Protein backbone atom coordinates (compact mmCIF):
# COMPACT_ATOMS: atom_id res chain seq x y z
CA MET A 1 10.07 31.00 19.25
CA ARG A 2 8.02 29.97 22.20
CA ASN A 3 6.15 26.86 22.61
CA CYS A 4 2.25 27.66 22.24
CA LEU A 5 -0.47 25.17 22.89
CA HIS A 6 -2.89 27.24 20.96
CA ARG A 7 -5.17 27.13 24.23
CA SER A 8 -6.01 30.83 24.30
CA GLY A 9 -8.59 30.34 21.64
CA TRP A 10 -8.86 31.08 17.89
CA THR A 11 -10.07 33.96 15.99
CA ARG A 12 -11.59 33.37 12.70
CA SER A 13 -11.08 35.98 9.69
CA GLY A 14 -12.33 34.80 6.31
CA SER A 15 -10.88 31.35 5.62
CA ALA A 16 -8.12 31.61 7.99
CA SER A 17 -8.20 31.12 11.80
CA SER A 18 -5.42 32.58 13.99
CA CYS A 19 -4.17 31.69 17.48
CA ASP A 20 -4.86 34.54 20.10
CA GLY A 21 -1.84 33.31 21.94
CA CYS A 22 0.88 33.39 19.28
CA GLY A 23 -0.69 34.38 16.05
CA THR A 24 -0.42 30.92 14.11
CA ARG A 25 -2.63 30.97 11.06
CA ARG A 26 -4.58 27.91 10.03
CA PHE A 27 -6.55 27.71 6.70
CA ALA A 28 -9.37 25.36 6.55
CA ASP A 29 -10.87 26.23 3.07
CA TYR A 30 -8.77 24.60 0.37
CA ALA A 31 -11.49 24.56 -2.21
CA ALA A 32 -9.42 27.07 -4.30
CA LEU A 33 -6.48 24.67 -4.64
CA ARG A 34 -8.57 21.84 -6.02
CA PRO A 35 -10.90 22.00 -8.90
CA PRO A 36 -14.41 20.41 -8.20
CA GLY A 37 -14.99 16.89 -8.87
CA LEU A 38 -12.76 13.68 -9.44
CA PRO A 39 -9.45 13.97 -11.43
CA LEU A 40 -9.39 12.49 -14.87
CA TRP A 41 -7.33 9.47 -15.88
CA ILE A 42 -4.89 10.41 -18.58
CA THR A 43 -3.60 7.52 -20.62
CA PRO A 44 -0.73 8.22 -22.99
CA LYS A 45 -0.74 7.42 -26.46
CA PRO A 46 0.68 4.13 -27.56
CA ARG A 47 3.63 5.88 -29.33
CA ASP A 48 4.26 7.99 -26.05
CA ARG A 49 4.32 4.57 -24.01
CA HIS A 50 6.64 3.01 -26.48
CA ALA A 51 8.97 5.98 -26.58
CA ALA A 52 9.04 6.09 -22.73
CA ASP A 53 9.89 2.17 -22.73
CA ARG A 54 12.73 2.78 -25.12
CA GLU A 55 14.18 5.70 -23.36
CA ALA A 56 14.23 3.83 -19.89
CA ALA A 57 15.84 0.69 -21.43
CA HIS A 58 18.41 3.15 -22.91
CA HIS A 59 19.02 4.55 -19.65
CA MET A 60 19.57 1.28 -18.09
CA ALA A 61 21.87 0.10 -20.72
CA ARG A 62 23.85 3.52 -20.28
CA LEU A 63 23.89 2.79 -16.26
CA ALA A 64 25.10 -0.81 -16.76
CA ARG A 65 27.80 0.26 -19.19
CA ARG A 66 29.00 2.99 -16.90
CA THR A 67 28.94 0.33 -13.85
CA ARG A 68 30.90 -2.13 -15.99
CA LEU A 69 33.47 0.23 -17.32
CA SER A 70 33.96 1.59 -13.52
CA MET A 71 34.66 -1.95 -12.51
CA ILE A 72 37.16 -2.55 -15.27
CA ILE A 73 39.12 0.80 -14.46
CA LYS A 74 39.55 -0.21 -10.80
């Protein structure tokens, strides 16, 4: 692939522009990818937060146990 500095100009077609030299396409209209307005904050329910905390603690305990066992086996 040759190195194009895109100096030969751009041709606009719909929401895309393409370089006249190499054909590289640029998309400037991303409105379809993001809904209008600001994103909503979602707060998990207390039972879900508690379950996530317990799962994280369980994972850390398993990790510590596995690390301790690997040190004993050496």
